[in-house]
Amino acid sequence: MKKLVITLTILFLVTGCAGIDYREMSDKVKTADWTKMQTITVSLVEHAFIPNILSLKVDTPYKLILKNDGNEKHYFVSEEFFKAIALRKVQSSDGEIKATYLTALEVYPKRALEVYFIPVKDGTYEFVCTIEGHMEKGMRGKITIENKKAEPGQIRYY
């Protein structure tokens, strides 16, 4: 019984709680045509994200620029969104981070982070700044990821 519990625990840790196949995500990042990447810039100010509504498509490469135009640090927190993307890297003028997944990003005043990714799961995801009082003052938004591929028997226009 102990071997089964340990095996399941390891499997859970490797695949994540949503059954995410990180090898498949890594392959998506490696095979994507990054020359067709779309760039979206979100300004972080006291106390708003501008824009605060984003629309993305599954399997499309993106660069999300989080630019803090405010005078205080801000967070971009969206655990469910970060589980729905294949992450290539996070980059700043100081360097870059390559990771399997994220939970939150902190952007210092007058600085920016660039997040390179491919959406892999459709849905609507909330993002917020979790610094005390910021979310309550309106620092929140939504990201909608649409599956651009039609299901069998359905036609979708974009």
N, C-alpha and C. Protein backbone atom coordinates (compact mmCIF):
# COMPACT_ATOMS: atom_id res chain seq x y z
N MET A 1 0.82 -1.20 0.00
CA MET A 1 0.00 0.00 0.00
C MET A 1 0.86 1.26 0.00
N LYS A 2 1.98 1.25 0.76
CA LYS A 2 2.84 2.42 0.82
C LYS A 2 3.42 2.74 -0.55
N LYS A 3 3.81 1.73 -1.34
CA LYS A 3 4.36 1.95 -2.66
C LYS A 3 3.35 2.63 -3.56
N LEU A 4 2.09 2.23 -3.48
CA LEU A 4 1.03 2.83 -4.29
C LEU A 4 0.85 4.29 -3.93
N VAL A 5 0.82 4.62 -2.66
CA VAL A 5 0.66 6.00 -2.21
C VAL A 5 1.84 6.85 -2.69
N ILE A 6 3.06 6.33 -2.54
CA ILE A 6 4.25 7.07 -2.98
C ILE A 6 4.21 7.27 -4.49
N THR A 7 3.86 6.24 -5.24
CA THR A 7 3.78 6.35 -6.70
C THR A 7 2.73 7.38 -7.11
N LEU A 8 1.56 7.33 -6.50
CA LEU A 8 0.51 8.30 -6.82
C LEU A 8 0.93 9.71 -6.45
N THR A 9 1.62 9.86 -5.33
CA THR A 9 2.10 11.18 -4.92
C THR A 9 3.09 11.72 -5.93
N ILE A 10 4.03 10.88 -6.36
CA ILE A 10 5.01 11.31 -7.35
C ILE A 10 4.31 11.66 -8.66
N LEU A 11 3.38 10.82 -9.09
CA LEU A 11 2.63 11.10 -10.32
C LEU A 11 1.89 12.41 -10.21
N PHE A 12 1.27 12.66 -9.08
CA PHE A 12 0.55 13.91 -8.83
C PHE A 12 1.49 15.10 -8.94
N LEU A 13 2.67 15.00 -8.34
CA LEU A 13 3.64 16.09 -8.38
C LEU A 13 4.18 16.33 -9.78
N VAL A 14 4.40 15.26 -10.53
CA VAL A 14 4.95 15.39 -11.87
C VAL A 14 3.93 15.95 -12.84
N THR A 15 2.69 15.50 -12.75
CA THR A 15 1.68 15.91 -13.73
C THR A 15 0.87 17.11 -13.27
N GLY A 16 0.94 17.48 -12.01
CA GLY A 16 0.15 18.60 -11.52
C GLY A 16 -1.24 18.15 -11.15
N CYS A 17 -1.93 18.99 -10.41
CA CYS A 17 -3.25 18.60 -9.93
C CYS A 17 -4.29 18.58 -11.04
N ALA A 18 -4.03 19.23 -12.18
CA ALA A 18 -5.00 19.26 -13.26
C ALA A 18 -4.68 18.22 -14.33
N GLY A 19 -3.73 17.31 -14.06
CA GLY A 19 -3.37 16.31 -15.04
C GLY A 19 -2.63 16.90 -16.23
N ILE A 20 -1.86 17.93 -16.03
CA ILE A 20 -1.15 18.62 -17.09
C ILE A 20 0.05 17.81 -17.52
N ASP A 21 0.24 17.63 -18.82
CA ASP A 21 1.39 16.94 -19.37
C ASP A 21 2.42 17.99 -19.77
N TYR A 22 3.41 18.20 -18.90
CA TYR A 22 4.39 19.26 -19.14
C TYR A 22 5.31 18.95 -20.32
N ARG A 23 5.50 17.67 -20.64
CA ARG A 23 6.29 17.34 -21.83
C ARG A 23 5.56 17.79 -23.09
N GLU A 24 4.25 17.59 -23.11
CA GLU A 24 3.45 18.04 -24.26
C GLU A 24 3.51 19.56 -24.38
N MET A 25 3.43 20.24 -23.25
CA MET A 25 3.51 21.71 -23.26
C MET A 25 4.88 22.16 -23.76
N SER A 26 5.93 21.51 -23.32
CA SER A 26 7.27 21.84 -23.76
C SER A 26 7.41 21.65 -25.27
N ASP A 27 6.81 20.59 -25.79
CA ASP A 27 6.83 20.36 -27.24
C ASP A 27 6.10 21.46 -27.99
N LYS A 28 4.97 21.93 -27.44
CA LYS A 28 4.22 23.03 -28.08
C LYS A 28 5.09 24.28 -28.18
N VAL A 29 5.80 24.58 -27.10
CA VAL A 29 6.67 25.76 -27.07
C VAL A 29 7.79 25.62 -28.10
N LYS A 30 8.39 24.43 -28.17
CA LYS A 30 9.51 24.21 -29.08
C LYS A 30 9.11 24.25 -30.54
N THR A 31 7.91 23.79 -30.86
CA THR A 31 7.49 23.69 -32.26
C THR A 31 6.67 24.89 -32.74
N ALA A 32 6.36 25.82 -31.86
CA ALA A 32 5.55 26.99 -32.24
C ALA A 32 6.33 27.91 -33.19
N ASP A 33 5.59 28.58 -34.05
CA ASP A 33 6.19 29.58 -34.94
C ASP A 33 6.15 30.93 -34.21
N TRP A 34 7.23 31.24 -33.51
CA TRP A 34 7.30 32.45 -32.70
C TRP A 34 7.40 33.72 -33.55
N THR A 35 7.62 33.59 -34.87
CA THR A 35 7.60 34.77 -35.74
C THR A 35 6.18 35.29 -35.90
N LYS A 36 5.17 34.46 -35.58
CA LYS A 36 3.76 34.87 -35.67
C LYS A 36 3.18 35.24 -34.31
N MET A 37 4.06 35.46 -33.34
CA MET A 37 3.66 35.79 -31.98
C MET A 37 2.87 37.12 -31.96
N GLN A 38 1.83 37.14 -31.15
CA GLN A 38 1.07 38.37 -30.93
C GLN A 38 1.52 38.99 -29.61
N THR A 39 1.63 40.32 -29.59
CA THR A 39 2.07 41.03 -28.39
C THR A 39 0.91 41.79 -27.78
N ILE A 40 0.74 41.63 -26.48
CA ILE A 40 -0.28 42.35 -25.71
C ILE A 40 0.43 43.05 -24.56
N THR A 41 0.17 44.33 -24.39
CA THR A 41 0.76 45.09 -23.28
C THR A 41 -0.33 45.45 -22.28
N VAL A 42 -0.07 45.15 -21.02
CA VAL A 42 -0.97 45.51 -19.93
C VAL A 42 -0.20 46.45 -19.01
N SER A 43 -0.76 47.63 -18.79
CA SER A 43 -0.18 48.61 -17.89
C SER A 43 -0.73 48.38 -16.48
N LEU A 44 0.17 48.36 -15.51
CA LEU A 44 -0.22 48.23 -14.10
C LEU A 44 -0.04 49.59 -13.45
N VAL A 45 -1.13 50.14 -12.94
CA VAL A 45 -1.09 51.45 -12.29
C VAL A 45 -1.86 51.36 -10.98
N GLU A 46 -1.85 52.43 -10.20
CA GLU A 46 -2.64 52.46 -8.98
C GLU A 46 -4.08 52.78 -9.35
N HIS A 47 -5.00 52.00 -9.23
CA HIS A 47 -5.18 50.61 -8.85
C HIS A 47 -5.97 49.94 -9.95
N ALA A 48 -5.29 49.72 -11.08
CA ALA A 48 -5.96 49.15 -12.24
C ALA A 48 -4.96 48.43 -13.15
N PHE A 49 -5.51 47.48 -13.91
CA PHE A 49 -4.82 46.89 -15.04
C PHE A 49 -5.45 47.51 -16.28
N ILE A 50 -4.64 48.00 -17.21
CA ILE A 50 -5.17 48.62 -18.42
C ILE A 50 -4.52 47.97 -19.64
N PRO A 51 -5.27 47.23 -20.45
CA PRO A 51 -6.67 46.85 -20.30
C PRO A 51 -6.82 45.76 -19.24
N ASN A 52 -8.06 45.56 -18.81
CA ASN A 52 -8.30 44.54 -17.79
C ASN A 52 -9.13 43.37 -18.33
N ILE A 53 -9.38 43.37 -19.64
CA ILE A 53 -10.05 42.25 -20.29
C ILE A 53 -9.19 41.85 -21.50
N LEU A 54 -8.77 40.58 -21.52
CA LEU A 54 -7.93 40.08 -22.60
C LEU A 54 -8.60 38.88 -23.25
N SER A 55 -8.47 38.78 -24.58
CA SER A 55 -9.01 37.64 -25.34
C SER A 55 -7.86 36.99 -26.08
N LEU A 56 -7.70 35.69 -25.86
CA LEU A 56 -6.62 34.92 -26.46
C LEU A 56 -7.19 33.71 -27.19
N LYS A 57 -6.37 33.10 -28.05
CA LYS A 57 -6.76 31.90 -28.79
C LYS A 57 -5.82 30.75 -28.42
N VAL A 58 -6.38 29.56 -28.30
CA VAL A 58 -5.60 28.35 -28.04
C VAL A 58 -4.59 28.17 -29.17
N ASP A 59 -3.41 27.69 -28.83
CA ASP A 59 -2.34 27.34 -29.77
C ASP A 59 -1.74 28.52 -30.52
N THR A 60 -1.93 29.74 -30.04
CA THR A 60 -1.33 30.93 -30.64
C THR A 60 -0.23 31.43 -29.72
N PRO A 61 0.98 31.69 -30.25
CA PRO A 61 2.05 32.22 -29.40
C PRO A 61 1.82 33.69 -29.04
N TYR A 62 2.07 34.02 -27.78
CA TYR A 62 1.88 35.39 -27.28
C TYR A 62 3.09 35.86 -26.49
N LYS A 63 3.25 37.18 -26.51
CA LYS A 63 4.15 37.85 -25.56
C LYS A 63 3.26 38.84 -24.80
N LEU A 64 3.12 38.61 -23.51
CA LEU A 64 2.36 39.51 -22.63
C LEU A 64 3.36 40.40 -21.92
N ILE A 65 3.28 41.70 -22.18
CA ILE A 65 4.16 42.65 -21.51
C ILE A 65 3.39 43.24 -20.33
N LEU A 66 3.90 43.01 -19.14
CA LEU A 66 3.32 43.59 -17.92
C LEU A 66 4.20 44.78 -17.56
N LYS A 67 3.69 45.97 -17.80
CA LYS A 67 4.47 47.20 -17.62
C LYS A 67 3.92 47.98 -16.43
N ASN A 68 4.74 48.12 -15.39
CA ASN A 68 4.29 48.86 -14.21
C ASN A 68 4.55 50.34 -14.43
N ASP A 69 3.49 51.07 -14.76
CA ASP A 69 3.56 52.51 -14.95
C ASP A 69 3.22 53.26 -13.66
N GLY A 70 3.02 52.50 -12.59
CA GLY A 70 2.67 53.10 -11.31
C GLY A 70 3.90 53.44 -10.48
N ASN A 71 3.63 53.88 -9.25
CA ASN A 71 4.70 54.26 -8.32
C ASN A 71 4.93 53.24 -7.22
N GLU A 72 4.13 52.15 -7.22
CA GLU A 72 4.33 51.08 -6.25
C GLU A 72 4.40 49.75 -6.98
N LYS A 73 4.94 48.74 -6.31
CA LYS A 73 5.00 47.42 -6.93
C LYS A 73 3.59 46.86 -7.05
N HIS A 74 3.41 45.97 -8.04
CA HIS A 74 2.11 45.31 -8.25
C HIS A 74 2.35 43.85 -8.58
N TYR A 75 1.35 43.04 -8.25
CA TYR A 75 1.39 41.61 -8.57
C TYR A 75 0.42 41.33 -9.71
N PHE A 76 0.77 40.32 -10.50
CA PHE A 76 -0.14 39.75 -11.50
C PHE A 76 -0.30 38.30 -11.07
N VAL A 77 -1.46 37.99 -10.46
CA VAL A 77 -1.70 36.67 -9.90
C VAL A 77 -2.89 36.04 -10.63
N SER A 78 -2.66 34.85 -11.18
CA SER A 78 -3.71 34.13 -11.88
C SER A 78 -3.31 32.66 -11.99
N GLU A 79 -3.41 31.93 -10.90
CA GLU A 79 -2.93 30.55 -10.87
C GLU A 79 -3.62 29.69 -11.92
N GLU A 80 -4.92 29.84 -12.10
CA GLU A 80 -5.64 29.01 -13.07
C GLU A 80 -5.23 29.36 -14.50
N PHE A 81 -5.02 30.63 -14.79
CA PHE A 81 -4.53 31.02 -16.12
C PHE A 81 -3.16 30.41 -16.38
N PHE A 82 -2.27 30.50 -15.41
CA PHE A 82 -0.93 29.96 -15.59
C PHE A 82 -0.95 28.44 -15.80
N LYS A 83 -1.97 27.75 -15.29
CA LYS A 83 -2.12 26.32 -15.53
C LYS A 83 -2.66 26.04 -16.94
N ALA A 84 -3.21 27.04 -17.59
CA ALA A 84 -3.85 26.88 -18.90
C ALA A 84 -2.93 27.29 -20.06
N ILE A 85 -1.65 27.56 -19.75
CA ILE A 85 -0.72 27.97 -20.80
C ILE A 85 0.53 27.10 -20.80
N ALA A 86 1.17 27.03 -21.96
CA ALA A 86 2.50 26.43 -22.07
C ALA A 86 3.47 27.60 -22.02
N LEU A 87 4.27 27.67 -20.97
CA LEU A 87 5.16 28.79 -20.73
C LEU A 87 6.50 28.58 -21.43
N ARG A 88 6.92 29.57 -22.19
CA ARG A 88 8.26 29.53 -22.81
C ARG A 88 9.28 30.16 -21.87
N LYS A 89 8.99 31.41 -21.42
CA LYS A 89 9.91 32.10 -20.51
C LYS A 89 9.28 33.39 -20.01
N VAL A 90 9.88 33.95 -18.96
CA VAL A 90 9.58 35.29 -18.48
C VAL A 90 10.89 36.06 -18.60
N GLN A 91 10.82 37.25 -19.19
CA GLN A 91 12.04 38.00 -19.47
C GLN A 91 11.92 39.43 -18.97
N SER A 92 13.05 39.97 -18.53
CA SER A 92 13.14 41.39 -18.16
C SER A 92 14.49 41.89 -18.66
N SER A 93 14.77 43.15 -18.43
CA SER A 93 16.07 43.69 -18.83
C SER A 93 17.21 43.08 -18.01
N ASP A 94 16.87 42.45 -16.89
CA ASP A 94 17.87 41.84 -16.01
C ASP A 94 18.17 40.39 -16.35
N GLY A 95 17.35 39.76 -17.18
CA GLY A 95 17.56 38.36 -17.51
C GLY A 95 16.25 37.68 -17.83
N GLU A 96 16.26 36.35 -17.79
CA GLU A 96 15.04 35.61 -18.08
C GLU A 96 14.93 34.39 -17.17
N ILE A 97 13.69 33.94 -17.03
CA ILE A 97 13.39 32.77 -16.21
C ILE A 97 12.68 31.77 -17.11
N LYS A 98 13.15 30.53 -17.07
CA LYS A 98 12.48 29.46 -17.79
C LYS A 98 11.97 28.50 -16.73
N ALA A 99 10.66 28.29 -16.73
CA ALA A 99 10.03 27.45 -15.72
C ALA A 99 8.87 26.69 -16.34
N THR A 100 8.46 25.65 -15.67
CA THR A 100 7.34 24.84 -16.15
C THR A 100 6.02 25.59 -15.99
N TYR A 101 5.85 26.26 -14.84
CA TYR A 101 4.64 27.03 -14.62
C TYR A 101 4.89 28.12 -13.58
N LEU A 102 3.96 29.04 -13.50
CA LEU A 102 4.02 30.16 -12.56
C LEU A 102 2.76 30.19 -11.72
N THR A 103 2.79 30.96 -10.65
CA THR A 103 1.57 31.24 -9.90
C THR A 103 1.32 32.74 -9.81
N ALA A 104 2.41 33.53 -9.77
CA ALA A 104 2.27 34.98 -9.63
C ALA A 104 3.54 35.66 -10.14
N LEU A 105 3.38 36.91 -10.56
CA LEU A 105 4.52 37.74 -10.97
C LEU A 105 4.46 39.06 -10.21
N GLU A 106 5.62 39.56 -9.80
CA GLU A 106 5.71 40.85 -9.14
C GLU A 106 6.47 41.78 -10.07
N VAL A 107 5.88 42.95 -10.33
CA VAL A 107 6.51 43.91 -11.23
C VAL A 107 6.79 45.19 -10.43
N TYR A 108 8.06 45.58 -10.40
CA TYR A 108 8.47 46.77 -9.67
C TYR A 108 8.09 48.04 -10.42
N PRO A 109 7.97 49.18 -9.73
CA PRO A 109 7.62 50.44 -10.39
C PRO A 109 8.59 50.78 -11.51
N LYS A 110 8.00 51.26 -12.61
CA LYS A 110 8.77 51.72 -13.78
C LYS A 110 9.58 50.59 -14.42
N ARG A 111 9.16 49.33 -14.21
CA ARG A 111 9.81 48.16 -14.80
C ARG A 111 8.78 47.36 -15.57
N ALA A 112 9.25 46.36 -16.30
CA ALA A 112 8.35 45.51 -17.08
C ALA A 112 8.85 44.08 -17.10
N LEU A 113 7.91 43.15 -17.25
CA LEU A 113 8.20 41.74 -17.47
C LEU A 113 7.51 41.33 -18.75
N GLU A 114 8.17 40.45 -19.51
CA GLU A 114 7.59 39.91 -20.73
C GLU A 114 7.38 38.41 -20.52
N VAL A 115 6.15 37.96 -20.73
CA VAL A 115 5.79 36.56 -20.54
C VAL A 115 5.49 35.96 -21.91
N TYR A 116 6.28 34.95 -22.31
CA TYR A 116 6.12 34.29 -23.60
C TYR A 116 5.41 32.96 -23.35
N PHE A 117 4.29 32.73 -24.04
CA PHE A 117 3.49 31.54 -23.76
C PHE A 117 2.57 31.19 -24.92
N ILE A 118 1.97 30.01 -24.81
CA ILE A 118 0.95 29.54 -25.74
C ILE A 118 -0.23 29.03 -24.92
N PRO A 119 -1.43 29.60 -25.11
CA PRO A 119 -2.60 29.06 -24.41
C PRO A 119 -2.91 27.64 -24.91
N VAL A 120 -3.20 26.74 -23.97
CA VAL A 120 -3.49 25.36 -24.33
C VAL A 120 -4.86 24.89 -23.85
N LYS A 121 -5.50 25.67 -23.00
CA LYS A 121 -6.81 25.27 -22.44
C LYS A 121 -7.76 26.46 -22.47
N ASP A 122 -8.91 26.27 -23.09
CA ASP A 122 -9.86 27.37 -23.15
C ASP A 122 -10.56 27.56 -21.81
N GLY A 123 -11.11 28.76 -21.63
CA GLY A 123 -11.80 29.10 -20.40
C GLY A 123 -11.67 30.57 -20.10
N THR A 124 -12.25 30.99 -18.99
CA THR A 124 -12.16 32.37 -18.52
C THR A 124 -11.47 32.36 -17.17
N TYR A 125 -10.46 33.21 -17.04
CA TYR A 125 -9.60 33.22 -15.87
C TYR A 125 -9.48 34.64 -15.33
N GLU A 126 -9.57 34.76 -14.02
CA GLU A 126 -9.43 36.06 -13.37
C GLU A 126 -7.96 36.30 -13.03
N PHE A 127 -7.52 37.56 -13.15
CA PHE A 127 -6.21 37.95 -12.65
C PHE A 127 -6.39 39.13 -11.71
N VAL A 128 -5.54 39.19 -10.68
CA VAL A 128 -5.67 40.21 -9.64
C VAL A 128 -4.30 40.65 -9.16
N CYS A 129 -4.28 41.79 -8.47
CA CYS A 129 -3.12 42.20 -7.70
C CYS A 129 -3.46 41.90 -6.25
N THR A 130 -2.64 41.06 -5.62
CA THR A 130 -2.94 40.62 -4.26
C THR A 130 -2.30 41.47 -3.17
N ILE A 131 -1.71 42.60 -3.54
CA ILE A 131 -1.21 43.51 -2.51
C ILE A 131 -2.42 44.06 -1.76
N GLU A 132 -2.30 44.14 -0.46
CA GLU A 132 -3.43 44.51 0.39
C GLU A 132 -4.14 45.77 -0.12
N GLY A 133 -5.44 45.62 -0.36
CA GLY A 133 -6.29 46.73 -0.77
C GLY A 133 -6.35 46.98 -2.28
N HIS A 134 -5.40 46.47 -3.04
CA HIS A 134 -5.37 46.76 -4.48
C HIS A 134 -6.54 46.11 -5.22
N MET A 135 -6.81 44.84 -4.97
CA MET A 135 -7.91 44.16 -5.63
C MET A 135 -9.25 44.81 -5.26
N GLU A 136 -9.39 45.17 -4.00
CA GLU A 136 -10.64 45.78 -3.53
C GLU A 136 -10.86 47.15 -4.18
N LYS A 137 -9.78 47.82 -4.57
CA LYS A 137 -9.89 49.13 -5.23
C LYS A 137 -10.06 49.00 -6.75
N GLY A 138 -10.13 47.75 -7.24
CA GLY A 138 -10.42 47.55 -8.66
C GLY A 138 -9.31 46.93 -9.48
N MET A 139 -8.23 46.50 -8.87
CA MET A 139 -7.11 45.95 -9.63
C MET A 139 -7.35 44.47 -9.87
N ARG A 140 -8.17 44.22 -10.90
CA ARG A 140 -8.54 42.86 -11.28
C ARG A 140 -8.94 42.86 -12.74
N GLY A 141 -8.93 41.70 -13.35
CA GLY A 141 -9.33 41.59 -14.74
C GLY A 141 -9.65 40.16 -15.12
N LYS A 142 -9.96 39.95 -16.42
CA LYS A 142 -10.31 38.62 -16.92
C LYS A 142 -9.59 38.34 -18.21
N ILE A 143 -9.20 37.09 -18.34
CA ILE A 143 -8.59 36.59 -19.58
C ILE A 143 -9.50 35.48 -20.09
N THR A 144 -9.92 35.60 -21.35
CA THR A 144 -10.71 34.55 -21.98
C THR A 144 -9.84 33.89 -23.04
N ILE A 145 -9.73 32.59 -22.95
CA ILE A 145 -9.01 31.82 -23.95
C ILE A 145 -10.05 31.02 -24.72
N GLU A 146 -10.09 31.25 -26.04
CA GLU A 146 -11.05 30.55 -26.89
C GLU A 146 -10.31 29.49 -27.70
N ASN A 147 -10.98 28.36 -27.89
CA ASN A 147 -10.43 27.32 -28.73
C ASN A 147 -10.78 27.67 -30.16
N LYS A 148 -9.78 28.03 -30.95
CA LYS A 148 -10.04 28.49 -32.32
C LYS A 148 -10.35 27.35 -33.28
N LYS A 149 -10.18 26.13 -32.83
CA LYS A 149 -10.49 24.98 -33.67
C LYS A 149 -11.94 24.58 -33.47
N ALA A 150 -12.66 24.40 -34.56
CA ALA A 150 -14.06 23.99 -34.47
C ALA A 150 -14.15 22.53 -34.07
N GLU A 151 -15.14 22.19 -33.26
CA GLU A 151 -15.41 20.81 -32.90
C GLU A 151 -16.02 20.12 -34.12
N PRO A 152 -15.90 18.80 -34.22
CA PRO A 152 -16.50 18.10 -35.36
C PRO A 152 -17.98 18.46 -35.48
N GLY A 153 -18.39 18.81 -36.68
CA GLY A 153 -19.79 19.17 -36.93
C GLY A 153 -20.12 20.62 -36.61
N GLN A 154 -19.17 21.39 -36.10
CA GLN A 154 -19.42 22.79 -35.77
C GLN A 154 -18.53 23.68 -36.61
N ILE A 155 -19.01 24.87 -36.89
CA ILE A 155 -18.20 25.86 -37.58
C ILE A 155 -18.12 27.08 -36.69
N ARG A 156 -16.88 27.56 -36.49
CA ARG A 156 -16.68 28.78 -35.70
C ARG A 156 -16.00 29.80 -36.57
N TYR A 157 -16.42 31.05 -36.46
CA TYR A 157 -15.81 32.14 -37.21
C TYR A 157 -15.13 33.08 -36.25
N TYR A 158 -13.92 33.53 -36.63
CA TYR A 158 -13.16 34.47 -35.81
C TYR A 158 -12.68 35.61 -36.65
